């Protein structure tokens, strides 16, 4: 990842988009007839099924979110390898039980 990409990290925007898509995806699952039919037929959905049902504007926001998520993963991995931040564990990822901040929305 380029240094310039890492400098584009915007945690508040990442958290905003994360919260937005938590709600947006739940609304889609609750209301979209096509997705409901897929769930009944397949008993599971692929992420691409959900994203395909988003508006063009939401799909653009999704791409922005994925770019920020990629930067976050790179930063978390670098910090882990350098012994900084919260170490990775399979259950919680790069977050731990001490990272629960009531003022901060949960991330996926």
PDB file of N, CA and C in Angstrom:
ATOM      1  N   UNK A   1       0.853  -1.174   0.000  1.00  0.00           N
ATOM      2  CA  UNK A   1       0.000   0.000   0.000  1.00  0.00           C
ATOM      3  C   UNK A   1       0.894   1.231   0.000  1.00  0.00           C
ATOM      4  N   UNK A   2       0.547   2.197  -0.826  1.00  0.00           N
ATOM      5  CA  UNK A   2       1.327   3.419  -0.929  1.00  0.00           C
ATOM      6  C   UNK A   2       1.191   4.262   0.330  1.00  0.00           C
ATOM      7  N   UNK A   3       2.252   4.970   0.628  1.00  0.00           N
ATOM      8  CA  UNK A   3       2.242   5.869   1.786  1.00  0.00           C
ATOM      9  C   UNK A   3       1.116   6.901   1.651  1.00  0.00           C
ATOM     10  N   UNK A   4       0.884   7.355   0.414  1.00  0.00           N
ATOM     11  CA  UNK A   4      -0.171   8.336   0.166  1.00  0.00           C
ATOM     12  C   UNK A   4      -1.539   7.773   0.562  1.00  0.00           C
ATOM     13  N   UNK A   5      -1.766   6.489   0.273  1.00  0.00           N
ATOM     14  CA  UNK A   5      -3.027   5.858   0.666  1.00  0.00           C
ATOM     15  C   UNK A   5      -3.188   5.865   2.183  1.00  0.00           C
ATOM     16  N   UNK A   6      -2.104   5.571   2.885  1.00  0.00           N
ATOM     17  CA  UNK A   6      -2.163   5.532   4.345  1.00  0.00           C
ATOM     18  C   UNK A   6      -2.457   6.913   4.925  1.00  0.00           C
ATOM     19  N   UNK A   7      -2.010   7.938   4.234  1.00  0.00           N
ATOM     20  CA  UNK A   7      -2.266   9.296   4.710  1.00  0.00           C
ATOM     21  C   UNK A   7      -3.722   9.704   4.494  1.00  0.00           C
ATOM     22  N   UNK A   8      -4.450   8.954   3.679  1.00  0.00           N
ATOM     23  CA  UNK A   8      -5.864   9.247   3.430  1.00  0.00           C
ATOM     24  C   UNK A   8      -6.784   8.606   4.462  1.00  0.00           C
ATOM     25  N   UNK A   9      -6.237   8.011   5.516  1.00  0.00           N
ATOM     26  CA  UNK A   9      -7.043   7.364   6.537  1.00  0.00           C
ATOM     27  C   UNK A   9      -7.861   8.414   7.276  1.00  0.00           C
ATOM     28  N   UNK A  10      -9.158   8.200   7.336  1.00  0.00           N
ATOM     29  CA  UNK A  10     -10.085   9.093   8.009  1.00  0.00           C
ATOM     30  C   UNK A  10     -10.979   8.240   8.905  1.00  0.00           C
ATOM     31  N   UNK A  11     -10.587   8.119  10.158  1.00  0.00           N
ATOM     32  CA  UNK A  11     -11.313   7.232  11.070  1.00  0.00           C
ATOM     33  C   UNK A  11     -12.767   7.643  11.246  1.00  0.00           C
ATOM     34  N   UNK A  12     -13.030   8.929  11.357  1.00  0.00           N
ATOM     35  CA  UNK A  12     -14.421   9.349  11.567  1.00  0.00           C
ATOM     36  C   UNK A  12     -15.283   9.009  10.347  1.00  0.00           C
ATOM     37  N   UNK A  13     -14.735   9.159   9.149  1.00  0.00           N
ATOM     38  CA  UNK A  13     -15.488   8.789   7.938  1.00  0.00           C
ATOM     39  C   UNK A  13     -15.700   7.277   7.877  1.00  0.00           C
ATOM     40  N   UNK A  14     -14.668   6.515   8.254  1.00  0.00           N
ATOM     41  CA  UNK A  14     -14.782   5.059   8.290  1.00  0.00           C
ATOM     42  C   UNK A  14     -15.910   4.633   9.234  1.00  0.00           C
ATOM     43  N   UNK A  15     -15.936   5.193  10.430  1.00  0.00           N
ATOM     44  CA  UNK A  15     -16.973   4.844  11.407  1.00  0.00           C
ATOM     45  C   UNK A  15     -18.357   5.281  10.926  1.00  0.00           C
ATOM     46  N   UNK A  16     -18.418   6.435  10.282  1.00  0.00           N
ATOM     47  CA  UNK A  16     -19.688   6.922   9.736  1.00  0.00           C
ATOM     48  C   UNK A  16     -20.227   5.962   8.669  1.00  0.00           C
ATOM     49  N   UNK A  17     -19.370   5.572   7.737  1.00  0.00           N
ATOM     50  CA  UNK A  17     -19.805   4.657   6.678  1.00  0.00           C
ATOM     51  C   UNK A  17     -20.124   3.271   7.234  1.00  0.00           C
ATOM     52  N   UNK A  18     -19.347   2.820   8.204  1.00  0.00           N
ATOM     53  CA  UNK A  18     -19.605   1.527   8.817  1.00  0.00           C
ATOM     54  C   UNK A  18     -20.993   1.512   9.444  1.00  0.00           C
ATOM     55  N   UNK A  19     -21.323   2.543  10.189  1.00  0.00           N
ATOM     56  CA  UNK A  19     -22.644   2.636  10.825  1.00  0.00           C
ATOM     57  C   UNK A  19     -23.743   2.740   9.772  1.00  0.00           C
ATOM     58  N   UNK A  20     -23.492   3.516   8.745  1.00  0.00           N
ATOM     59  CA  UNK A  20     -24.483   3.684   7.680  1.00  0.00           C
ATOM     60  C   UNK A  20     -24.805   2.337   7.033  1.00  0.00           C
ATOM     61  N   UNK A  21     -23.783   1.558   6.709  1.00  0.00           N
ATOM     62  CA  UNK A  21     -24.033   0.293   6.025  1.00  0.00           C
ATOM     63  C   UNK A  21     -24.589  -0.777   6.959  1.00  0.00           C
ATOM     64  N   UNK A  22     -24.316  -0.692   8.245  1.00  0.00           N
ATOM     65  CA  UNK A  22     -24.976  -1.611   9.183  1.00  0.00           C
ATOM     66  C   UNK A  22     -26.490  -1.437   9.089  1.00  0.00           C
ATOM     67  N   UNK A  23     -26.920  -0.193   9.104  1.00  0.00           N
ATOM     68  CA  UNK A  23     -28.351   0.118   9.045  1.00  0.00           C
ATOM     69  C   UNK A  23     -28.900  -0.176   7.653  1.00  0.00           C
ATOM     70  N   UNK A  24     -28.205   0.276   6.643  1.00  0.00           N
ATOM     71  CA  UNK A  24     -28.679   0.129   5.255  1.00  0.00           C
ATOM     72  C   UNK A  24     -28.860  -1.345   4.875  1.00  0.00           C
ATOM     73  N   UNK A  25     -27.908  -2.163   5.237  1.00  0.00           N
ATOM     74  CA  UNK A  25     -27.986  -3.585   4.905  1.00  0.00           C
ATOM     75  C   UNK A  25     -29.125  -4.255   5.668  1.00  0.00           C
ATOM     76  N   UNK A  26     -29.313  -3.881   6.925  1.00  0.00           N
ATOM     77  CA  UNK A  26     -30.434  -4.449   7.688  1.00  0.00           C
ATOM     78  C   UNK A  26     -31.769  -4.072   7.057  1.00  0.00           C
ATOM     79  N   UNK A  27     -31.884  -2.820   6.607  1.00  0.00           N
ATOM     80  CA  UNK A  27     -33.117  -2.382   5.934  1.00  0.00           C
ATOM     81  C   UNK A  27     -33.335  -3.193   4.661  1.00  0.00           C
ATOM     82  N   UNK A  28     -32.277  -3.391   3.884  1.00  0.00           N
ATOM     83  CA  UNK A  28     -32.389  -4.200   2.670  1.00  0.00           C
ATOM     84  C   UNK A  28     -32.865  -5.619   2.991  1.00  0.00           C
ATOM     85  N   UNK A  29     -32.280  -6.208   4.000  1.00  0.00           N
ATOM     86  CA  UNK A  29     -32.650  -7.575   4.365  1.00  0.00           C
ATOM     87  C   UNK A  29     -34.107  -7.668   4.812  1.00  0.00           C
ATOM     88  N   UNK A  30     -34.585  -6.612   5.444  1.00  0.00           N
ATOM     89  CA  UNK A  30     -35.958  -6.614   5.956  1.00  0.00           C
ATOM     90  C   UNK A  30     -36.997  -6.275   4.892  1.00  0.00           C
ATOM     91  N   UNK A  31     -36.602  -5.551   3.840  1.00  0.00           N
ATOM     92  CA  UNK A  31     -37.614  -5.014   2.933  1.00  0.00           C
ATOM     93  C   UNK A  31     -37.493  -5.444   1.472  1.00  0.00           C
ATOM     94  N   UNK A  32     -36.338  -5.844   1.026  1.00  0.00           N
ATOM     95  CA  UNK A  32     -36.145  -6.120  -0.391  1.00  0.00           C
ATOM     96  C   UNK A  32     -36.695  -7.500  -0.762  1.00  0.00           C
ATOM     97  N   UNK A  33     -37.701  -7.555  -1.638  1.00  0.00           N
ATOM     98  CA  UNK A  33     -38.310  -8.847  -1.999  1.00  0.00           C
ATOM     99  C   UNK A  33     -37.322  -9.808  -2.670  1.00  0.00           C
ATOM    100  N   UNK A  34     -36.444  -9.269  -3.497  1.00  0.00           N
ATOM    101  CA  UNK A  34     -35.453 -10.123  -4.181  1.00  0.00           C
ATOM    102  C   UNK A  34     -34.535 -10.803  -3.158  1.00  0.00           C
ATOM    103  N   UNK A  35     -34.066 -10.050  -2.185  1.00  0.00           N
ATOM    104  CA  UNK A  35     -33.180 -10.621  -1.158  1.00  0.00           C
ATOM    105  C   UNK A  35     -33.922 -11.621  -0.284  1.00  0.00           C
ATOM    106  N   UNK A  36     -35.163 -11.315   0.040  1.00  0.00           N
ATOM    107  CA  UNK A  36     -35.959 -12.257   0.830  1.00  0.00           C
ATOM    108  C   UNK A  36     -36.128 -13.579   0.086  1.00  0.00           C
ATOM    109  N   UNK A  37     -36.370 -13.479  -1.218  1.00  0.00           N
ATOM    110  CA  UNK A  37     -36.524 -14.688  -2.026  1.00  0.00           C
ATOM    111  C   UNK A  37     -35.213 -15.480  -2.061  1.00  0.00           C
ATOM    112  N   UNK A  38     -34.088 -14.784  -2.224  1.00  0.00           N
ATOM    113  CA  UNK A  38     -32.790 -15.470  -2.216  1.00  0.00           C
ATOM    114  C   UNK A  38     -32.547 -16.188  -0.890  1.00  0.00           C
ATOM    115  N   UNK A  39     -32.893 -15.524   0.205  1.00  0.00           N
ATOM    116  CA  UNK A  39     -32.683 -16.140   1.518  1.00  0.00           C
ATOM    117  C   UNK A  39     -33.556 -17.386   1.670  1.00  0.00           C
ATOM    118  N   UNK A  40     -34.764 -17.334   1.179  1.00  0.00           N
ATOM    119  CA  UNK A  40     -35.645 -18.498   1.277  1.00  0.00           C
ATOM    120  C   UNK A  40     -35.135 -19.651   0.425  1.00  0.00           C
ATOM    121  N   UNK A  41     -34.600 -19.347  -0.728  1.00  0.00           N
ATOM    122  CA  UNK A  41     -34.129 -20.382  -1.645  1.00  0.00           C
ATOM    123  C   UNK A  41     -32.771 -20.941  -1.234  1.00  0.00           C
ATOM    124  N   UNK A  42     -31.873 -20.076  -0.821  1.00  0.00           N
ATOM    125  CA  UNK A  42     -30.489 -20.488  -0.577  1.00  0.00           C
ATOM    126  C   UNK A  42     -30.130 -20.618   0.898  1.00  0.00           C
ATOM    127  N   UNK A  43     -30.920 -20.071   1.758  1.00  0.00           N
ATOM    128  CA  UNK A  43     -30.627 -20.053   3.191  1.00  0.00           C
ATOM    129  C   UNK A  43     -29.383 -19.238   3.525  1.00  0.00           C
ATOM    130  N   UNK A  44     -28.813 -18.556   2.536  1.00  0.00           N
ATOM    131  CA  UNK A  44     -27.682 -17.661   2.777  1.00  0.00           C
ATOM    132  C   UNK A  44     -27.568 -16.690   1.616  1.00  0.00           C
ATOM    133  N   UNK A  45     -26.833 -15.629   1.849  1.00  0.00           N
ATOM    134  CA  UNK A  45     -26.610 -14.611   0.831  1.00  0.00           C
ATOM    135  C   UNK A  45     -25.118 -14.357   0.690  1.00  0.00           C
ATOM    136  N   UNK A  46     -24.743 -13.915  -0.474  1.00  0.00           N
ATOM    137  CA  UNK A  46     -23.389 -13.442  -0.693  1.00  0.00           C
ATOM    138  C   UNK A  46     -23.406 -11.923  -0.533  1.00  0.00           C
ATOM    139  N   UNK A  47     -22.289 -11.358  -0.121  1.00  0.00           N
ATOM    140  CA  UNK A  47     -22.200  -9.905   0.016  1.00  0.00           C
ATOM    141  C   UNK A  47     -22.533  -9.226  -1.310  1.00  0.00           C
ATOM    142  N   UNK A  48     -22.116  -9.823  -2.404  1.00  0.00           N
ATOM    143  CA  UNK A  48     -22.398  -9.234  -3.715  1.00  0.00           C
ATOM    144  C   UNK A  48     -23.907  -9.138  -3.981  1.00  0.00           C
ATOM    145  N   UNK A  49     -24.700 -10.077  -3.448  1.00  0.00           N
ATOM    146  CA  UNK A  49     -26.156 -10.006  -3.597  1.00  0.00           C
ATOM    147  C   UNK A  49     -26.702  -8.733  -2.951  1.00  0.00           C
ATOM    148  N   UNK A  50     -26.169  -8.413  -1.796  1.00  0.00           N
ATOM    149  CA  UNK A  50     -26.604  -7.206  -1.088  1.00  0.00           C
ATOM    150  C   UNK A  50     -26.166  -5.946  -1.815  1.00  0.00           C
ATOM    151  N   UNK A  51     -24.904  -5.905  -2.202  1.00  0.00           N
ATOM    152  CA  UNK A  51     -24.353  -4.711  -2.835  1.00  0.00           C
ATOM    153  C   UNK A  51     -25.046  -4.440  -4.167  1.00  0.00           C
ATOM    154  N   UNK A  52     -25.401  -5.491  -4.891  1.00  0.00           N
ATOM    155  CA  UNK A  52     -26.104  -5.315  -6.166  1.00  0.00           C
ATOM    156  C   UNK A  52     -27.449  -4.622  -5.992  1.00  0.00           C
ATOM    157  N   UNK A  53     -28.045  -4.726  -4.819  1.00  0.00           N
ATOM    158  CA  UNK A  53     -29.350  -4.125  -4.566  1.00  0.00           C
ATOM    159  C   UNK A  53     -29.245  -2.673  -4.104  1.00  0.00           C
ATOM    160  N   UNK A  54     -28.044  -2.204  -3.855  1.00  0.00           N
ATOM    161  CA  UNK A  54     -27.860  -0.819  -3.417  1.00  0.00           C
ATOM    162  C   UNK A  54     -28.018   0.138  -4.589  1.00  0.00           C
ATOM    163  N   UNK A  55     -28.387   1.358  -4.283  1.00  0.00           N
ATOM    164  CA  UNK A  55     -28.466   2.398  -5.312  1.00  0.00           C
ATOM    165  C   UNK A  55     -27.058   2.696  -5.830  1.00  0.00           C
ATOM    166  N   UNK A  56     -26.967   3.375  -6.961  1.00  0.00           N
ATOM    167  CA  UNK A  56     -25.655   3.743  -7.515  1.00  0.00           C
ATOM    168  C   UNK A  56     -24.872   4.606  -6.522  1.00  0.00           C
ATOM    169  N   UNK A  57     -25.578   5.506  -5.866  1.00  0.00           N
ATOM    170  CA  UNK A  57     -24.925   6.374  -4.878  1.00  0.00           C
ATOM    171  C   UNK A  57     -24.375   5.546  -3.710  1.00  0.00           C
ATOM    172  N   UNK A  58     -25.168   4.602  -3.222  1.00  0.00           N
ATOM    173  CA  UNK A  58     -24.712   3.744  -2.132  1.00  0.00           C
ATOM    174  C   UNK A  58     -23.557   2.850  -2.570  1.00  0.00           C
ATOM    175  N   UNK A  59     -23.579   2.408  -3.821  1.00  0.00           N
ATOM    176  CA  UNK A  59     -22.469   1.589  -4.305  1.00  0.00           C
ATOM    177  C   UNK A  59     -21.173   2.398  -4.349  1.00  0.00           C
ATOM    178  N   UNK A  60     -21.287   3.669  -4.671  1.00  0.00           N
ATOM    179  CA  UNK A  60     -20.100   4.550  -4.652  1.00  0.00           C
ATOM    180  C   UNK A  60     -19.609   4.718  -3.213  1.00  0.00           C
ATOM    181  N   UNK A  61     -20.532   4.895  -2.277  1.00  0.00           N
ATOM    182  CA  UNK A  61     -20.148   4.978  -0.858  1.00  0.00           C
ATOM    183  C   UNK A  61     -19.521   3.667  -0.394  1.00  0.00           C
ATOM    184  N   UNK A  62     -20.032   2.547  -0.889  1.00  0.00           N
ATOM    185  CA  UNK A  62     -19.489   1.241  -0.535  1.00  0.00           C
ATOM    186  C   UNK A  62     -18.029   1.129  -0.990  1.00  0.00           C
ATOM    187  N   UNK A  63     -17.749   1.599  -2.204  1.00  0.00           N
ATOM    188  CA  UNK A  63     -16.360   1.574  -2.700  1.00  0.00           C
ATOM    189  C   UNK A  63     -15.456   2.433  -1.819  1.00  0.00           C
ATOM    190  N   UNK A  64     -15.957   3.592  -1.391  1.00  0.00           N
ATOM    191  CA  UNK A  64     -15.195   4.446  -0.484  1.00  0.00           C
ATOM    192  C   UNK A  64     -14.947   3.714   0.838  1.00  0.00           C
ATOM    193  N   UNK A  65     -15.976   3.053   1.345  1.00  0.00           N
ATOM    194  CA  UNK A  65     -15.836   2.302   2.592  1.00  0.00           C
ATOM    195  C   UNK A  65     -14.797   1.191   2.454  1.00  0.00           C
ATOM    196  N   UNK A  66     -14.840   0.452   1.345  1.00  0.00           N
ATOM    197  CA  UNK A  66     -13.873  -0.626   1.135  1.00  0.00           C
ATOM    198  C   UNK A  66     -12.440  -0.094   1.067  1.00  0.00           C
ATOM    199  N   UNK A  67     -12.270   1.064   0.446  1.00  0.00           N
ATOM    200  CA  UNK A  67     -10.931   1.663   0.384  1.00  0.00           C
ATOM    201  C   UNK A  67     -10.454   2.027   1.793  1.00  0.00           C
ATOM    202  N   UNK A  68     -11.324   2.640   2.577  1.00  0.00           N
ATOM    203  CA  UNK A  68     -10.960   2.978   3.958  1.00  0.00           C
ATOM    204  C   UNK A  68     -10.715   1.723   4.786  1.00  0.00           C
ATOM    205  N   UNK A  69     -11.514   0.694   4.563  1.00  0.00           N
ATOM    206  CA  UNK A  69     -11.349  -0.557   5.299  1.00  0.00           C
ATOM    207  C   UNK A  69     -10.008  -1.215   4.965  1.00  0.00           C
ATOM    208  N   UNK A  70      -9.602  -1.127   3.727  1.00  0.00           N
ATOM    209  CA  UNK A  70      -8.306  -1.661   3.312  1.00  0.00           C
ATOM    210  C   UNK A  70      -7.168  -0.914   3.999  1.00  0.00           C
ATOM    211  N   UNK A  71      -7.290   0.399   4.068  1.00  0.00           N
ATOM    212  CA  UNK A  71      -6.269   1.210   4.755  1.00  0.00           C
ATOM    213  C   UNK A  71      -6.231   0.837   6.230  1.00  0.00           C
ATOM    214  N   UNK A  72      -7.413   0.696   6.849  1.00  0.00           N
ATOM    215  CA  UNK A  72      -7.480   0.336   8.273  1.00  0.00           C
ATOM    216  C   UNK A  72      -6.812  -1.007   8.518  1.00  0.00           C
ATOM    217  N   UNK A  73      -7.092  -1.992   7.664  1.00  0.00           N
ATOM    218  CA  UNK A  73      -6.485  -3.305   7.821  1.00  0.00           C
ATOM    219  C   UNK A  73      -4.963  -3.203   7.719  1.00  0.00           C
ATOM    220  N   UNK A  74      -4.473  -2.446   6.761  1.00  0.00           N
ATOM    221  CA  UNK A  74      -3.029  -2.286   6.588  1.00  0.00           C
ATOM    222  C   UNK A  74      -2.406  -1.648   7.837  1.00  0.00           C
ATOM    223  N   UNK A  75      -3.039  -0.605   8.344  1.00  0.00           N
ATOM    224  CA  UNK A  75      -2.528   0.069   9.548  1.00  0.00           C
ATOM    225  C   UNK A  75      -2.554  -0.883  10.737  1.00  0.00           C
ATOM    226  N   UNK A  76      -3.659  -1.619  10.915  1.00  0.00           N
ATOM    227  CA  UNK A  76      -3.772  -2.573  12.023  1.00  0.00           C
ATOM    228  C   UNK A  76      -2.709  -3.663  11.934  1.00  0.00           C
ATOM    229  N   UNK A  77      -2.483  -4.172  10.722  1.00  0.00           N
ATOM    230  CA  UNK A  77      -1.469  -5.220  10.544  1.00  0.00           C
ATOM    231  C   UNK A  77      -0.068  -4.681  10.822  1.00  0.00           C
ATOM    232  N   UNK A  78       0.210  -3.491  10.318  1.00  0.00           N
ATOM    233  CA  UNK A  78       1.523  -2.875  10.563  1.00  0.00           C
ATOM    234  C   UNK A  78       1.738  -2.669  12.060  1.00  0.00           C
ATOM    235  N   UNK A  79       0.723  -2.132  12.736  1.00  0.00           N
ATOM    236  CA  UNK A  79       0.838  -1.920  14.182  1.00  0.00           C
ATOM    237  C   UNK A  79       1.042  -3.243  14.915  1.00  0.00           C
ATOM    238  N   UNK A  80       0.341  -4.280  14.487  1.00  0.00           N
ATOM    239  CA  UNK A  80       0.486  -5.599  15.100  1.00  0.00           C
ATOM    240  C   UNK A  80       1.920  -6.115  14.938  1.00  0.00           C
ATOM    241  N   UNK A  81       2.434  -6.002  13.730  1.00  0.00           N
ATOM    242  CA  UNK A  81       3.796  -6.496  13.469  1.00  0.00           C
ATOM    243  C   UNK A  81       4.857  -5.683  14.207  1.00  0.00           C
ATOM    244  N   UNK A  82       4.567  -4.412  14.457  1.00  0.00           N
ATOM    245  CA  UNK A  82       5.504  -3.552  15.175  1.00  0.00           C
ATOM    246  C   UNK A  82       5.267  -3.577  16.685  1.00  0.00           C
ATOM    247  N   UNK A  83       4.300  -4.360  17.137  1.00  0.00           N
ATOM    248  CA  UNK A  83       4.029  -4.475  18.570  1.00  0.00           C
ATOM    249  C   UNK A  83       3.279  -3.287  19.140  1.00  0.00           C
ATOM    250  N   UNK A  84       2.589  -2.550  18.306  1.00  0.00           N
ATOM    251  CA  UNK A  84       1.802  -1.401  18.756  1.00  0.00           C
ATOM    252  C   UNK A  84       0.319  -1.754  18.674  1.00  0.00           C
ATOM    253  N   UNK A  85      -0.490  -1.019  19.383  1.00  0.00           N
ATOM    254  CA  UNK A  85      -1.933  -1.212  19.284  1.00  0.00           C
ATOM    255  C   UNK A  85      -2.384  -2.519  19.901  1.00  0.00           C
ATOM    256  N   UNK A  86      -3.613  -2.881  19.617  1.00  0.00           N
ATOM    257  CA  UNK A  86      -4.193  -4.116  20.135  1.00  0.00           C
ATOM    258  C   UNK A  86      -3.711  -5.287  19.291  1.00  0.00           C
ATOM    259  N   UNK A  87      -3.122  -6.303  19.904  1.00  0.00           N
ATOM    260  CA  UNK A  87      -2.684  -7.466  19.118  1.00  0.00           C
ATOM    261  C   UNK A  87      -3.873  -8.178  18.480  1.00  0.00           C
ATOM    262  N   UNK A  88      -3.620  -8.829  17.382  1.00  0.00           N
ATOM    263  CA  UNK A  88      -4.656  -9.584  16.689  1.00  0.00           C
ATOM    264  C   UNK A  88      -4.975 -10.857  17.467  1.00  0.00           C
ATOM    265  N   UNK A  89      -6.265 -11.180  17.533  1.00  0.00           N
ATOM    266  CA  UNK A  89      -6.661 -12.497  18.025  1.00  0.00           C
ATOM    267  C   UNK A  89      -7.840 -12.963  17.172  1.00  0.00           C
ATOM    268  N   UNK A  90      -7.962 -14.263  16.954  1.00  0.00           N
ATOM    269  CA  UNK A  90      -8.965 -14.789  16.028  1.00  0.00           C
ATOM    270  C   UNK A  90     -10.407 -14.448  16.399  1.00  0.00           C
ATOM    271  N   UNK A  91     -10.697 -14.297  17.672  1.00  0.00           N
ATOM    272  CA  UNK A  91     -12.080 -14.040  18.077  1.00  0.00           C
ATOM    273  C   UNK A  91     -12.493 -12.588  17.855  1.00  0.00           C
ATOM    274  N   UNK A  92     -11.624 -11.650  18.202  1.00  0.00           N
ATOM    275  CA  UNK A  92     -11.979 -10.231  18.165  1.00  0.00           C
ATOM    276  C   UNK A  92     -11.281  -9.441  17.060  1.00  0.00           C
ATOM    277  N   UNK A  93     -10.405 -10.080  16.289  1.00  0.00           N
ATOM    278  CA  UNK A  93      -9.656  -9.348  15.267  1.00  0.00           C
ATOM    279  C   UNK A  93      -8.626  -8.441  15.925  1.00  0.00           C
ATOM    280  N   UNK A  94      -8.601  -7.185  15.502  1.00  0.00           N
ATOM    281  CA  UNK A  94      -7.655  -6.223  16.062  1.00  0.00           C
ATOM    282  C   UNK A  94      -8.280  -5.395  17.173  1.00  0.00           C
ATOM    283  N   UNK A  95      -9.450  -5.820  17.646  1.00  0.00           N
ATOM    284  CA  UNK A  95     -10.071  -5.150  18.780  1.00  0.00           C
ATOM    285  C   UNK A  95     -10.136  -6.138  19.929  1.00  0.00           C
ATOM    286  N   UNK A  96     -10.289  -5.642  21.097  1.00  0.00           N
ATOM    287  CA  UNK A  96     -10.375  -6.509  22.261  1.00  0.00           C
ATOM    288  C   UNK A  96     -11.497  -6.060  23.157  1.00  0.00           C
ATOM    289  N   UNK A  97     -11.711  -6.784  24.229  1.00  0.00           N
ATOM    290  CA  UNK A  97     -12.808  -6.428  25.138  1.00  0.00           C
ATOM    291  C   UNK A  97     -12.625  -5.053  25.758  1.00  0.00           C
ATOM    292  N   UNK A  98     -11.383  -4.577  25.878  1.00  0.00           N
ATOM    293  CA  UNK A  98     -11.141  -3.260  26.452  1.00  0.00           C
ATOM    294  C   UNK A  98     -11.444  -2.135  25.480  1.00  0.00           C
ATOM    295  N   UNK A  99     -11.664  -2.470  24.205  1.00  0.00           N
ATOM    296  CA  UNK A  99     -11.918  -1.454  23.192  1.00  0.00           C
ATOM    297  C   UNK A  99     -13.383  -1.048  23.126  1.00  0.00           C
ATOM    298  N   UNK A 100     -14.226  -1.610  23.970  1.00  0.00           N
ATOM    299  CA  UNK A 100     -15.647  -1.261  23.954  1.00  0.00           C
ATOM    300  C   UNK A 100     -15.828   0.127  24.546  1.00  0.00           C
ATOM    301  N   UNK A 101     -16.113   1.081  23.690  1.00  0.00           N
ATOM    302  CA  UNK A 101     -16.340   2.463  24.085  1.00  0.00           C
ATOM    303  C   UNK A 101     -17.803   2.763  23.787  1.00  0.00           C
ATOM    304  N   UNK A 102     -18.572   3.113  24.798  1.00  0.00           N
ATOM    305  CA  UNK A 102     -20.009   3.311  24.617  1.00  0.00           C
ATOM    306  C   UNK A 102     -20.320   4.458  23.659  1.00  0.00           C
ATOM    307  N   UNK A 103     -19.414   5.433  23.544  1.00  0.00           N
ATOM    308  CA  UNK A 103     -19.642   6.562  22.648  1.00  0.00           C
ATOM    309  C   UNK A 103     -19.267   6.237  21.208  1.00  0.00           C
ATOM    310  N   UNK A 104     -18.657   5.104  20.990  1.00  0.00           N
ATOM    311  CA  UNK A 104     -18.165   4.725  19.656  1.00  0.00           C
ATOM    312  C   UNK A 104     -19.012   3.573  19.132  1.00  0.00           C
ATOM    313  N   UNK A 105     -19.547   3.718  17.913  1.00  0.00           N
ATOM    314  CA  UNK A 105     -20.369   2.627  17.372  1.00  0.00           C
ATOM    315  C   UNK A 105     -19.525   1.397  17.087  1.00  0.00           C
ATOM    316  N   UNK A 106     -20.118   0.204  17.230  1.00  0.00           N
ATOM    317  CA  UNK A 106     -19.359  -1.017  16.923  1.00  0.00           C
ATOM    318  C   UNK A 106     -19.095  -1.106  15.431  1.00  0.00           C
ATOM    319  N   UNK A 107     -17.973  -1.729  15.084  1.00  0.00           N
ATOM    320  CA  UNK A 107     -17.659  -1.949  13.678  1.00  0.00           C
ATOM    321  C   UNK A 107     -17.748  -3.436  13.398  1.00  0.00           C
ATOM    322  N   UNK A 108     -17.967  -3.777  12.142  1.00  0.00           N
ATOM    323  CA  UNK A 108     -18.038  -5.178  11.738  1.00  0.00           C
ATOM    324  C   UNK A 108     -16.668  -5.742  11.632  1.00  0.00           C
TER     325      UNK A 108
END
